[in-house]
C-alpha cells in the first residue's frame, strides 16, 4: 500500500509540472517572416539538419512514448510565437514604409547592422551633407521601432520577460537576412560586407 501511495504521489507531481520556455525556433521563424516582409526578400533555403539532431529527436520521442504509457498525456499545442497584434501591425507597416529610404543607404555602405541588430551610421563623412541629417533620423526611427517591435511581440505572447531573448533572436536574423553588399558587425565588433 505504501508503494502504491508513493507511486501515486510521484505520478501526480509529474502531471502538474509545467515548464514555460522561450520558443526559440518559433521566434526565429517569426523574425524571418517579419524581416522578409519588411525587405520583400525571398525566403532563405532551409538548412539541412545534422544526424545528431535526428538521434536526439528519436530519443525524445521514445521517452515521450514511454512516459505516455504510464501517465495520461495532455496534448500540448506546438510552440508558437504570436506576431499579430495592433501594435505589431502598426510597427511592421512603419518599418516597411521606411525600408525604401533605408535601402539605398545600406547599399551605399552609409549604414550597417550592428551585432545587437540595431542600425548605425557607418560612413557619416561620406554621406552627402544635405542627406546626413535625414539618414541619422531614419536610423534613429528604425532603431526605436525595432525596440518597440520586440516589446510588442513579448507583450502579445504574455511574456514581457522574453524581451531580451526576442531581441537577441532578431539581432541574429537581421544579420542573417542582410542583403548582399550590406555591412554587418560580428560579435567581436568587426565589420564585413555581406
N, C-alpha and C. Protein backbone atom coordinates (compact mmCIF):
# COMPACT_ATOMS: atom_id res chain seq x y z
N UNK A 1 0.82 -1.19 0.00
CA UNK A 1 0.00 0.00 0.00
C UNK A 1 0.87 1.26 0.00
N UNK A 2 1.95 1.23 0.77
CA UNK A 2 2.84 2.38 0.87
C UNK A 2 3.48 2.67 -0.48
N UNK A 3 3.87 1.60 -1.20
CA UNK A 3 4.48 1.76 -2.51
C UNK A 3 3.48 2.38 -3.48
N UNK A 4 2.24 1.96 -3.38
CA UNK A 4 1.21 2.49 -4.26
C UNK A 4 0.99 3.98 -4.02
N UNK A 5 0.95 4.41 -2.76
CA UNK A 5 0.74 5.83 -2.48
C UNK A 5 1.96 6.65 -2.90
N UNK A 6 3.16 6.10 -2.76
CA UNK A 6 4.37 6.79 -3.21
C UNK A 6 4.35 6.94 -4.73
N UNK A 7 3.98 5.89 -5.43
CA UNK A 7 3.88 5.94 -6.89
C UNK A 7 2.80 6.93 -7.31
N UNK A 8 1.67 6.94 -6.61
CA UNK A 8 0.59 7.88 -6.93
C UNK A 8 1.05 9.31 -6.74
N UNK A 9 1.77 9.58 -5.68
CA UNK A 9 2.28 10.94 -5.42
C UNK A 9 3.26 11.35 -6.51
N UNK A 10 4.12 10.45 -6.91
CA UNK A 10 5.09 10.73 -7.97
C UNK A 10 4.38 11.03 -9.28
N UNK A 11 3.40 10.22 -9.64
CA UNK A 11 2.66 10.45 -10.88
C UNK A 11 1.87 11.75 -10.84
N UNK A 12 1.27 12.05 -9.70
CA UNK A 12 0.51 13.29 -9.56
C UNK A 12 1.42 14.51 -9.72
N UNK A 13 2.60 14.46 -9.10
CA UNK A 13 3.52 15.60 -9.22
C UNK A 13 4.02 15.75 -10.65
N UNK A 14 4.17 14.65 -11.36
CA UNK A 14 4.59 14.72 -12.75
C UNK A 14 3.53 15.35 -13.63
N UNK A 15 2.28 15.17 -13.26
CA UNK A 15 1.18 15.70 -14.06
C UNK A 15 1.03 17.21 -13.93
N UNK A 16 1.44 17.80 -12.81
CA UNK A 16 1.21 19.21 -12.60
C UNK A 16 2.44 20.07 -12.89
N UNK A 17 3.54 19.49 -13.26
CA UNK A 17 4.73 20.26 -13.59
C UNK A 17 4.56 20.86 -14.98
N UNK A 18 4.64 22.18 -15.06
CA UNK A 18 4.50 22.87 -16.33
C UNK A 18 5.73 23.76 -16.51
N UNK A 19 6.40 23.60 -17.61
CA UNK A 19 7.56 24.44 -17.90
C UNK A 19 7.20 25.44 -18.98
N UNK A 20 7.40 26.71 -18.70
CA UNK A 20 7.22 27.75 -19.69
C UNK A 20 8.61 28.08 -20.20
N UNK A 21 8.83 27.88 -21.46
CA UNK A 21 10.15 28.12 -22.03
C UNK A 21 10.01 29.03 -23.24
N UNK A 22 11.10 29.68 -23.58
CA UNK A 22 11.12 30.55 -24.74
C UNK A 22 11.18 29.70 -26.00
N UNK A 23 10.21 29.87 -26.91
CA UNK A 23 10.18 29.05 -28.14
C UNK A 23 11.16 29.61 -29.19
N UNK A 24 12.42 29.25 -29.06
CA UNK A 24 13.48 29.81 -29.90
C UNK A 24 13.24 29.56 -31.39
N UNK A 25 12.87 28.36 -31.75
CA UNK A 25 12.66 28.05 -33.18
C UNK A 25 11.49 28.87 -33.73
N UNK A 26 10.43 28.99 -32.95
CA UNK A 26 9.28 29.79 -33.39
C UNK A 26 9.67 31.27 -33.49
N UNK A 27 10.54 31.73 -32.60
CA UNK A 27 10.99 33.12 -32.64
C UNK A 27 11.82 33.39 -33.89
N UNK A 28 12.68 32.44 -34.25
CA UNK A 28 13.47 32.59 -35.48
C UNK A 28 12.56 32.64 -36.71
N UNK A 29 11.58 31.77 -36.73
CA UNK A 29 10.63 31.74 -37.84
C UNK A 29 9.86 33.06 -37.93
N UNK A 30 9.41 33.55 -36.79
CA UNK A 30 8.67 34.81 -36.75
C UNK A 30 9.55 35.97 -37.18
N UNK A 31 10.80 35.99 -36.70
CA UNK A 31 11.72 37.06 -37.07
C UNK A 31 11.97 37.05 -38.58
N UNK A 32 12.21 35.88 -39.14
CA UNK A 32 12.43 35.79 -40.59
C UNK A 32 11.22 36.28 -41.36
N UNK A 33 10.03 35.90 -40.91
CA UNK A 33 8.81 36.33 -41.60
C UNK A 33 8.69 37.85 -41.59
N UNK A 34 8.89 38.44 -40.44
CA UNK A 34 8.77 39.89 -40.32
C UNK A 34 9.84 40.60 -41.14
N UNK A 35 11.07 40.17 -41.00
CA UNK A 35 12.19 40.82 -41.72
C UNK A 35 12.01 40.69 -43.23
N UNK A 36 11.64 39.51 -43.68
CA UNK A 36 11.47 39.31 -45.13
C UNK A 36 10.29 40.10 -45.66
N UNK A 37 9.23 40.23 -44.86
CA UNK A 37 8.11 41.08 -45.28
C UNK A 37 8.58 42.53 -45.41
N UNK A 38 9.35 42.98 -44.45
CA UNK A 38 9.85 44.36 -44.48
C UNK A 38 10.74 44.58 -45.70
N UNK A 39 11.59 43.62 -45.98
CA UNK A 39 12.56 43.76 -47.08
C UNK A 39 12.03 43.23 -48.41
N UNK A 40 10.85 42.62 -48.40
CA UNK A 40 10.32 41.96 -49.60
C UNK A 40 11.34 40.98 -50.17
N UNK A 41 11.97 40.22 -49.27
CA UNK A 41 13.02 39.29 -49.67
C UNK A 41 12.44 37.91 -49.94
N UNK A 42 13.18 37.11 -50.68
CA UNK A 42 12.84 35.71 -50.93
C UNK A 42 13.25 34.93 -49.69
N UNK A 43 12.38 34.03 -49.20
CA UNK A 43 12.75 33.26 -48.01
C UNK A 43 14.03 32.46 -48.24
N UNK A 44 14.88 32.37 -47.20
CA UNK A 44 16.12 31.61 -47.34
C UNK A 44 15.85 30.12 -47.51
N UNK A 45 16.82 29.44 -48.13
CA UNK A 45 16.68 27.99 -48.31
C UNK A 45 16.80 27.32 -46.96
N UNK A 46 15.98 26.28 -46.74
CA UNK A 46 16.08 25.58 -45.46
C UNK A 46 17.45 24.92 -45.32
N UNK A 47 17.97 24.96 -44.10
CA UNK A 47 19.27 24.34 -43.84
C UNK A 47 19.06 22.89 -43.45
N UNK A 48 20.01 22.05 -43.86
CA UNK A 48 19.89 20.64 -43.50
C UNK A 48 20.25 20.46 -42.04
N UNK A 49 19.64 19.50 -41.41
CA UNK A 49 19.90 19.23 -40.00
C UNK A 49 20.90 18.09 -39.90
N UNK A 50 21.66 18.09 -38.85
CA UNK A 50 22.67 17.05 -38.67
C UNK A 50 22.02 15.76 -38.19
N UNK A 51 22.69 14.67 -38.38
CA UNK A 51 22.20 13.37 -37.93
C UNK A 51 22.07 13.31 -36.42
N UNK A 52 22.91 14.08 -35.69
CA UNK A 52 22.85 14.09 -34.24
C UNK A 52 21.51 14.66 -33.77
N UNK A 53 21.02 15.70 -34.45
CA UNK A 53 19.71 16.27 -34.10
C UNK A 53 18.62 15.22 -34.27
N UNK A 54 18.71 14.41 -35.34
CA UNK A 54 17.73 13.36 -35.58
C UNK A 54 17.78 12.30 -34.48
N UNK A 55 19.00 11.97 -34.00
CA UNK A 55 19.13 10.99 -32.92
C UNK A 55 18.49 11.52 -31.64
N UNK A 56 18.74 12.80 -31.33
CA UNK A 56 18.14 13.39 -30.14
C UNK A 56 16.62 13.40 -30.25
N UNK A 57 16.11 13.75 -31.41
CA UNK A 57 14.67 13.79 -31.61
C UNK A 57 14.07 12.39 -31.42
N UNK A 58 14.75 11.36 -31.93
CA UNK A 58 14.26 9.99 -31.78
C UNK A 58 14.27 9.58 -30.31
N UNK A 59 15.31 9.97 -29.58
CA UNK A 59 15.38 9.65 -28.15
C UNK A 59 14.24 10.33 -27.39
N UNK A 60 14.00 11.61 -27.68
CA UNK A 60 12.92 12.32 -27.01
C UNK A 60 11.55 11.73 -27.34
N UNK A 61 11.36 11.28 -28.60
CA UNK A 61 10.09 10.64 -28.96
C UNK A 61 9.91 9.33 -28.18
N UNK A 62 10.98 8.55 -28.04
CA UNK A 62 10.92 7.30 -27.30
C UNK A 62 10.57 7.55 -25.84
N UNK A 63 11.24 8.56 -25.22
CA UNK A 63 10.96 8.89 -23.82
C UNK A 63 9.51 9.35 -23.67
N UNK A 64 9.04 10.15 -24.59
CA UNK A 64 7.66 10.65 -24.55
C UNK A 64 6.67 9.49 -24.62
N UNK A 65 6.93 8.53 -25.52
CA UNK A 65 6.03 7.36 -25.62
C UNK A 65 6.07 6.53 -24.33
N UNK A 66 7.26 6.37 -23.75
CA UNK A 66 7.38 5.59 -22.52
C UNK A 66 6.61 6.25 -21.38
N UNK A 67 6.75 7.55 -21.24
CA UNK A 67 6.02 8.26 -20.19
C UNK A 67 4.53 8.22 -20.48
N UNK A 68 4.16 8.31 -21.75
CA UNK A 68 2.75 8.29 -22.14
C UNK A 68 2.05 7.00 -21.77
N UNK A 69 2.79 5.89 -21.68
CA UNK A 69 2.15 4.64 -21.28
C UNK A 69 1.83 4.61 -19.80
N UNK A 70 2.58 5.39 -18.99
CA UNK A 70 2.36 5.42 -17.55
C UNK A 70 1.43 6.56 -17.16
N UNK A 71 1.62 7.71 -17.77
CA UNK A 71 0.86 8.91 -17.41
C UNK A 71 0.00 9.31 -18.60
N UNK A 72 -1.26 9.62 -18.35
CA UNK A 72 -2.13 10.10 -19.42
C UNK A 72 -1.60 11.46 -19.85
N UNK A 73 -1.30 11.57 -21.13
CA UNK A 73 -0.69 12.82 -21.59
C UNK A 73 -1.75 13.86 -21.92
N UNK A 74 -1.39 15.11 -21.66
CA UNK A 74 -2.23 16.23 -22.07
C UNK A 74 -1.63 16.75 -23.36
N UNK A 75 -2.44 16.86 -24.38
CA UNK A 75 -1.96 17.29 -25.69
C UNK A 75 -1.61 18.77 -25.64
N UNK A 76 -0.36 19.09 -25.87
CA UNK A 76 0.09 20.48 -25.86
C UNK A 76 0.19 20.97 -27.30
N UNK A 77 -0.14 22.23 -27.48
CA UNK A 77 -0.04 22.84 -28.81
C UNK A 77 1.43 23.01 -29.17
N UNK A 78 1.71 22.97 -30.47
CA UNK A 78 3.06 23.19 -30.94
C UNK A 78 3.49 24.60 -30.53
N UNK A 79 4.75 24.72 -30.11
CA UNK A 79 5.27 26.02 -29.68
C UNK A 79 5.08 27.04 -30.80
N UNK A 80 4.55 28.18 -30.43
CA UNK A 80 4.27 29.21 -31.41
C UNK A 80 4.55 30.56 -30.77
N UNK A 81 4.78 31.54 -31.59
CA UNK A 81 5.01 32.89 -31.11
C UNK A 81 4.09 33.80 -31.91
N UNK A 82 3.18 34.47 -31.23
CA UNK A 82 2.24 35.34 -31.90
C UNK A 82 2.94 36.60 -32.38
N UNK A 83 2.72 36.94 -33.65
CA UNK A 83 3.29 38.17 -34.20
C UNK A 83 2.18 39.02 -34.82
N UNK A 84 0.98 38.86 -34.26
CA UNK A 84 -0.15 39.61 -34.78
C UNK A 84 -0.90 40.30 -33.64
N UNK A 85 -0.72 41.60 -33.57
CA UNK A 85 -1.47 42.45 -32.65
C UNK A 85 -1.54 43.82 -33.31
N UNK A 86 -2.43 44.68 -32.85
CA UNK A 86 -2.48 46.01 -33.46
C UNK A 86 -1.14 46.75 -33.40
N UNK A 87 -0.44 46.64 -32.26
CA UNK A 87 0.87 47.31 -32.14
C UNK A 87 1.88 46.73 -33.12
N UNK A 88 1.92 45.41 -33.24
CA UNK A 88 2.87 44.76 -34.15
C UNK A 88 2.57 45.15 -35.59
N UNK A 89 1.30 45.12 -35.97
CA UNK A 89 0.93 45.51 -37.35
C UNK A 89 1.34 46.95 -37.65
N UNK A 90 1.12 47.84 -36.71
CA UNK A 90 1.47 49.25 -36.89
C UNK A 90 2.98 49.42 -37.06
N UNK A 91 3.75 48.74 -36.22
CA UNK A 91 5.21 48.84 -36.30
C UNK A 91 5.75 48.24 -37.59
N UNK A 92 5.20 47.11 -37.99
CA UNK A 92 5.63 46.49 -39.25
C UNK A 92 5.35 47.42 -40.43
N UNK A 93 4.18 48.03 -40.44
CA UNK A 93 3.83 48.95 -41.54
C UNK A 93 4.79 50.13 -41.57
N UNK A 94 5.12 50.66 -40.43
CA UNK A 94 6.05 51.78 -40.34
C UNK A 94 7.43 51.39 -40.86
N UNK A 95 7.89 50.20 -40.48
CA UNK A 95 9.21 49.73 -40.89
C UNK A 95 9.24 49.40 -42.39
N UNK A 96 8.14 48.84 -42.89
CA UNK A 96 8.07 48.53 -44.33
C UNK A 96 8.14 49.82 -45.15
N UNK A 97 7.44 50.83 -44.69
CA UNK A 97 7.43 52.12 -45.39
C UNK A 97 8.83 52.76 -45.36
N UNK A 98 9.49 52.69 -44.23
CA UNK A 98 10.82 53.29 -44.06
C UNK A 98 11.90 52.55 -44.87
N UNK A 99 11.69 51.27 -45.11
CA UNK A 99 12.73 50.47 -45.76
C UNK A 99 13.13 51.03 -47.13
N UNK A 100 12.18 51.58 -47.86
CA UNK A 100 12.50 52.16 -49.18
C UNK A 100 13.54 53.28 -49.06
N UNK A 101 13.51 54.01 -47.95
CA UNK A 101 14.50 55.07 -47.73
C UNK A 101 15.80 54.52 -47.17
N UNK A 102 15.73 53.44 -46.42
CA UNK A 102 16.93 52.85 -45.84
C UNK A 102 17.76 52.08 -46.87
N UNK A 103 17.10 51.41 -47.80
CA UNK A 103 17.79 50.50 -48.71
C UNK A 103 18.95 51.16 -49.47
N UNK A 104 18.79 52.35 -50.06
CA UNK A 104 19.94 52.93 -50.76
C UNK A 104 21.11 53.25 -49.81
N UNK A 105 20.80 53.51 -48.55
CA UNK A 105 21.86 53.79 -47.58
C UNK A 105 22.60 52.52 -47.16
N UNK A 106 21.86 51.39 -47.11
CA UNK A 106 22.52 50.10 -46.89
C UNK A 106 23.46 49.83 -48.07
N UNK A 107 22.94 49.99 -49.27
CA UNK A 107 23.70 49.67 -50.49
C UNK A 107 24.94 50.54 -50.63
N UNK A 108 24.85 51.80 -50.21
CA UNK A 108 26.00 52.71 -50.31
C UNK A 108 27.00 52.49 -49.19
N UNK A 109 26.64 51.70 -48.19
CA UNK A 109 27.54 51.45 -47.07
C UNK A 109 27.49 52.53 -46.01
N UNK A 110 26.53 53.44 -46.12
CA UNK A 110 26.41 54.52 -45.15
C UNK A 110 25.92 54.01 -43.80
N UNK A 111 25.08 52.99 -43.83
CA UNK A 111 24.57 52.41 -42.59
C UNK A 111 24.88 50.93 -42.57
N UNK A 112 24.90 50.37 -41.38
CA UNK A 112 25.15 48.95 -41.22
C UNK A 112 24.34 48.40 -40.07
N UNK A 113 24.29 47.08 -40.00
CA UNK A 113 23.56 46.38 -38.94
C UNK A 113 24.57 45.96 -37.88
N UNK A 114 24.39 46.50 -36.67
CA UNK A 114 25.28 46.16 -35.57
C UNK A 114 24.99 44.74 -35.07
N UNK A 115 25.90 44.19 -34.31
CA UNK A 115 25.76 42.83 -33.78
C UNK A 115 24.50 42.69 -32.93
N UNK A 116 24.03 43.77 -32.32
CA UNK A 116 22.83 43.70 -31.49
C UNK A 116 21.55 43.88 -32.30
N UNK A 117 21.68 43.98 -33.64
CA UNK A 117 20.52 44.09 -34.51
C UNK A 117 20.06 45.51 -34.78
N UNK A 118 20.66 46.47 -34.12
CA UNK A 118 20.28 47.86 -34.38
C UNK A 118 21.09 48.39 -35.56
N UNK A 119 20.63 49.51 -36.10
CA UNK A 119 21.34 50.15 -37.20
C UNK A 119 22.29 51.21 -36.66
N UNK A 120 23.30 51.50 -37.44
CA UNK A 120 24.21 52.59 -37.10
C UNK A 120 24.66 53.27 -38.39
N UNK A 121 24.99 54.55 -38.27
CA UNK A 121 25.57 55.28 -39.39
C UNK A 121 27.05 54.92 -39.39
N UNK A 122 27.51 54.28 -40.45
CA UNK A 122 28.90 53.81 -40.52
C UNK A 122 29.81 54.83 -41.19
N UNK A 123 29.38 55.35 -42.28
CA UNK A 123 30.21 56.24 -43.10
C UNK A 123 29.59 57.62 -43.18
N UNK A 124 29.41 58.24 -42.01
CA UNK A 124 28.76 59.54 -41.95
C UNK A 124 29.45 60.61 -42.79
N UNK A 125 30.78 60.58 -42.84
CA UNK A 125 31.52 61.59 -43.60
C UNK A 125 31.30 61.45 -45.10
N UNK A 126 30.95 60.26 -45.55
CA UNK A 126 30.74 60.03 -46.98
C UNK A 126 29.31 60.34 -47.44
N UNK A 127 28.41 60.51 -46.49
CA UNK A 127 27.03 60.82 -46.83
C UNK A 127 26.99 62.28 -47.31
N UNK A 128 26.36 62.55 -48.45
CA UNK A 128 26.25 63.94 -48.90
C UNK A 128 25.69 64.82 -47.76
N UNK A 129 26.27 65.97 -47.58
CA UNK A 129 25.93 66.86 -46.48
C UNK A 129 24.43 67.10 -46.38
N UNK A 130 23.76 67.28 -47.50
CA UNK A 130 22.32 67.56 -47.49
C UNK A 130 21.50 66.37 -46.99
N UNK A 131 22.06 65.14 -46.99
CA UNK A 131 21.34 63.93 -46.60
C UNK A 131 21.69 63.42 -45.20
N UNK A 132 22.74 63.94 -44.59
CA UNK A 132 23.23 63.40 -43.31
C UNK A 132 22.17 63.42 -42.22
N UNK A 133 21.51 64.53 -42.06
CA UNK A 133 20.51 64.65 -41.01
C UNK A 133 19.37 63.66 -41.25
N UNK A 134 18.94 63.51 -42.48
CA UNK A 134 17.85 62.59 -42.82
C UNK A 134 18.24 61.14 -42.53
N UNK A 135 19.47 60.76 -42.89
CA UNK A 135 19.94 59.39 -42.64
C UNK A 135 19.99 59.13 -41.14
N UNK A 136 20.48 60.08 -40.39
CA UNK A 136 20.54 59.92 -38.93
C UNK A 136 19.15 59.76 -38.34
N UNK A 137 18.19 60.53 -38.82
CA UNK A 137 16.80 60.41 -38.35
C UNK A 137 16.19 59.07 -38.73
N UNK A 138 16.48 58.60 -39.95
CA UNK A 138 15.97 57.29 -40.39
C UNK A 138 16.48 56.18 -39.48
N UNK A 139 17.77 56.21 -39.19
CA UNK A 139 18.39 55.19 -38.35
C UNK A 139 17.79 55.23 -36.94
N UNK A 140 17.64 56.42 -36.39
CA UNK A 140 17.06 56.54 -35.05
C UNK A 140 15.63 56.03 -35.01
N UNK A 141 14.83 56.38 -36.02
CA UNK A 141 13.44 55.93 -36.07
C UNK A 141 13.36 54.41 -36.22
N UNK A 142 14.22 53.85 -37.04
CA UNK A 142 14.23 52.40 -37.24
C UNK A 142 14.61 51.68 -35.95
N UNK A 143 15.64 52.17 -35.28
CA UNK A 143 16.06 51.54 -34.03
C UNK A 143 14.96 51.62 -32.97
N UNK A 144 14.27 52.73 -32.92
CA UNK A 144 13.18 52.88 -31.96
C UNK A 144 12.05 51.90 -32.28
N UNK A 145 11.70 51.78 -33.56
CA UNK A 145 10.64 50.84 -33.95
C UNK A 145 11.06 49.39 -33.69
N UNK A 146 12.32 49.07 -33.92
CA UNK A 146 12.77 47.70 -33.66
C UNK A 146 12.60 47.36 -32.18
N UNK A 147 13.04 48.26 -31.32
CA UNK A 147 12.91 48.02 -29.88
C UNK A 147 11.44 47.88 -29.49
N UNK A 148 10.60 48.73 -30.03
CA UNK A 148 9.16 48.65 -29.74
C UNK A 148 8.56 47.35 -30.27
N UNK A 149 9.03 46.90 -31.43
CA UNK A 149 8.54 45.65 -32.01
C UNK A 149 8.85 44.47 -31.09
N UNK A 150 10.07 44.40 -30.58
CA UNK A 150 10.45 43.30 -29.70
C UNK A 150 9.57 43.30 -28.45
N UNK A 151 9.33 44.48 -27.88
CA UNK A 151 8.49 44.58 -26.69
C UNK A 151 7.05 44.19 -27.02
N UNK A 152 6.56 44.63 -28.18
CA UNK A 152 5.19 44.30 -28.59
C UNK A 152 5.02 42.79 -28.77
N UNK A 153 6.02 42.13 -29.33
CA UNK A 153 5.95 40.67 -29.51
C UNK A 153 5.94 39.98 -28.15
N UNK A 154 6.82 40.42 -27.25
CA UNK A 154 6.85 39.82 -25.91
C UNK A 154 5.50 40.02 -25.21
N UNK A 155 4.95 41.22 -25.32
CA UNK A 155 3.66 41.50 -24.68
C UNK A 155 2.52 40.71 -25.32
N UNK A 156 2.52 40.60 -26.65
CA UNK A 156 1.47 39.87 -27.35
C UNK A 156 1.45 38.40 -26.97
N UNK A 157 2.58 37.89 -26.51
CA UNK A 157 2.67 36.49 -26.11
C UNK A 157 2.53 36.30 -24.61
N UNK A 158 2.25 37.39 -23.90
CA UNK A 158 2.05 37.30 -22.46
C UNK A 158 3.31 37.04 -21.67
N UNK A 159 4.47 37.32 -22.27
CA UNK A 159 5.75 37.07 -21.60
C UNK A 159 6.69 38.25 -21.79
N UNK A 160 6.45 39.37 -21.11
CA UNK A 160 7.34 40.52 -21.26
C UNK A 160 8.79 40.19 -20.88
N UNK A 161 8.97 39.15 -20.08
CA UNK A 161 10.33 38.76 -19.68
C UNK A 161 11.12 38.14 -20.84
N UNK A 162 10.48 37.86 -21.95
CA UNK A 162 11.16 37.32 -23.13
C UNK A 162 11.82 38.40 -23.98
N UNK A 163 11.70 39.67 -23.59
CA UNK A 163 12.21 40.78 -24.40
C UNK A 163 13.65 40.56 -24.85
N UNK A 164 14.55 40.25 -23.93
CA UNK A 164 15.96 40.09 -24.30
C UNK A 164 16.18 38.93 -25.26
N UNK A 165 15.44 37.83 -25.07
CA UNK A 165 15.59 36.68 -25.97
C UNK A 165 15.04 37.00 -27.36
N UNK A 166 13.94 37.74 -27.41
CA UNK A 166 13.38 38.13 -28.71
C UNK A 166 14.35 39.06 -29.41
N UNK A 167 14.91 40.02 -28.68
CA UNK A 167 15.87 40.96 -29.26
C UNK A 167 17.09 40.22 -29.80
N UNK A 168 17.62 39.28 -29.04
CA UNK A 168 18.80 38.51 -29.48
C UNK A 168 18.48 37.67 -30.71
N UNK A 169 17.29 37.09 -30.75
CA UNK A 169 16.88 36.30 -31.91
C UNK A 169 16.79 37.19 -33.14
N UNK A 170 16.14 38.33 -33.01
CA UNK A 170 16.02 39.26 -34.13
C UNK A 170 17.39 39.77 -34.56
N UNK A 171 18.29 40.03 -33.62
CA UNK A 171 19.62 40.52 -33.98
C UNK A 171 20.30 39.55 -34.94
N UNK A 172 20.27 38.28 -34.59
CA UNK A 172 20.88 37.26 -35.46
C UNK A 172 20.17 37.19 -36.81
N UNK A 173 18.86 37.31 -36.81
CA UNK A 173 18.10 37.19 -38.06
C UNK A 173 18.21 38.44 -38.93
N UNK A 174 18.35 39.65 -38.34
CA UNK A 174 18.59 40.86 -39.15
C UNK A 174 19.89 40.66 -39.93
N UNK A 175 20.91 40.15 -39.26
CA UNK A 175 22.20 39.92 -39.91
C UNK A 175 22.08 38.79 -40.92
N UNK A 176 21.40 37.72 -40.55
CA UNK A 176 21.22 36.58 -41.46
C UNK A 176 20.44 36.94 -42.72
N UNK A 177 19.53 37.88 -42.61
CA UNK A 177 18.71 38.29 -43.75
C UNK A 177 19.25 39.52 -44.47
N UNK A 178 20.41 40.01 -44.05
CA UNK A 178 21.01 41.16 -44.73
C UNK A 178 21.29 40.81 -46.19
N UNK A 179 21.07 41.76 -47.05
CA UNK A 179 21.27 41.52 -48.48
C UNK A 179 22.74 41.67 -48.85
N UNK A 180 23.09 41.06 -49.96
CA UNK A 180 24.46 41.12 -50.46
C UNK A 180 24.90 42.59 -50.61
N UNK A 181 26.09 42.90 -50.12
CA UNK A 181 26.63 44.25 -50.21
C UNK A 181 26.41 45.08 -48.96
N UNK A 182 25.52 44.65 -48.06
CA UNK A 182 25.26 45.39 -46.83
C UNK A 182 26.39 45.12 -45.83
N UNK A 183 26.60 46.07 -44.94
CA UNK A 183 27.61 45.94 -43.90
C UNK A 183 26.97 45.43 -42.61
N UNK A 184 27.62 44.41 -42.02
CA UNK A 184 27.14 43.82 -40.77
C UNK A 184 28.32 43.71 -39.80
N UNK A 185 27.98 43.82 -38.53
CA UNK A 185 29.00 43.74 -37.49
C UNK A 185 28.96 42.37 -36.84
N UNK A 186 30.14 41.79 -36.64
CA UNK A 186 30.21 40.49 -35.97
C UNK A 186 30.19 40.72 -34.46
N UNK A 187 30.07 39.64 -33.71
CA UNK A 187 30.00 39.75 -32.25
C UNK A 187 31.29 40.30 -31.65
N UNK A 188 32.40 40.22 -32.39
CA UNK A 188 33.67 40.77 -31.87
C UNK A 188 33.85 42.25 -32.24
N UNK A 189 32.86 42.82 -32.93
CA UNK A 189 32.89 44.25 -33.23
C UNK A 189 33.43 44.61 -34.61
N UNK A 190 33.94 43.63 -35.34
CA UNK A 190 34.50 43.93 -36.66
C UNK A 190 33.37 43.99 -37.69
N UNK A 191 33.60 44.77 -38.74
CA UNK A 191 32.60 44.95 -39.78
C UNK A 191 33.01 44.17 -41.02
N UNK A 192 32.02 43.63 -41.73
CA UNK A 192 32.28 42.97 -43.01
C UNK A 192 31.11 43.22 -43.92
N UNK A 193 31.40 43.19 -45.19
CA UNK A 193 30.36 43.38 -46.18
C UNK A 193 29.84 42.01 -46.59
N UNK A 194 28.57 41.88 -46.56
CA UNK A 194 27.96 40.58 -46.86
C UNK A 194 28.01 40.30 -48.34
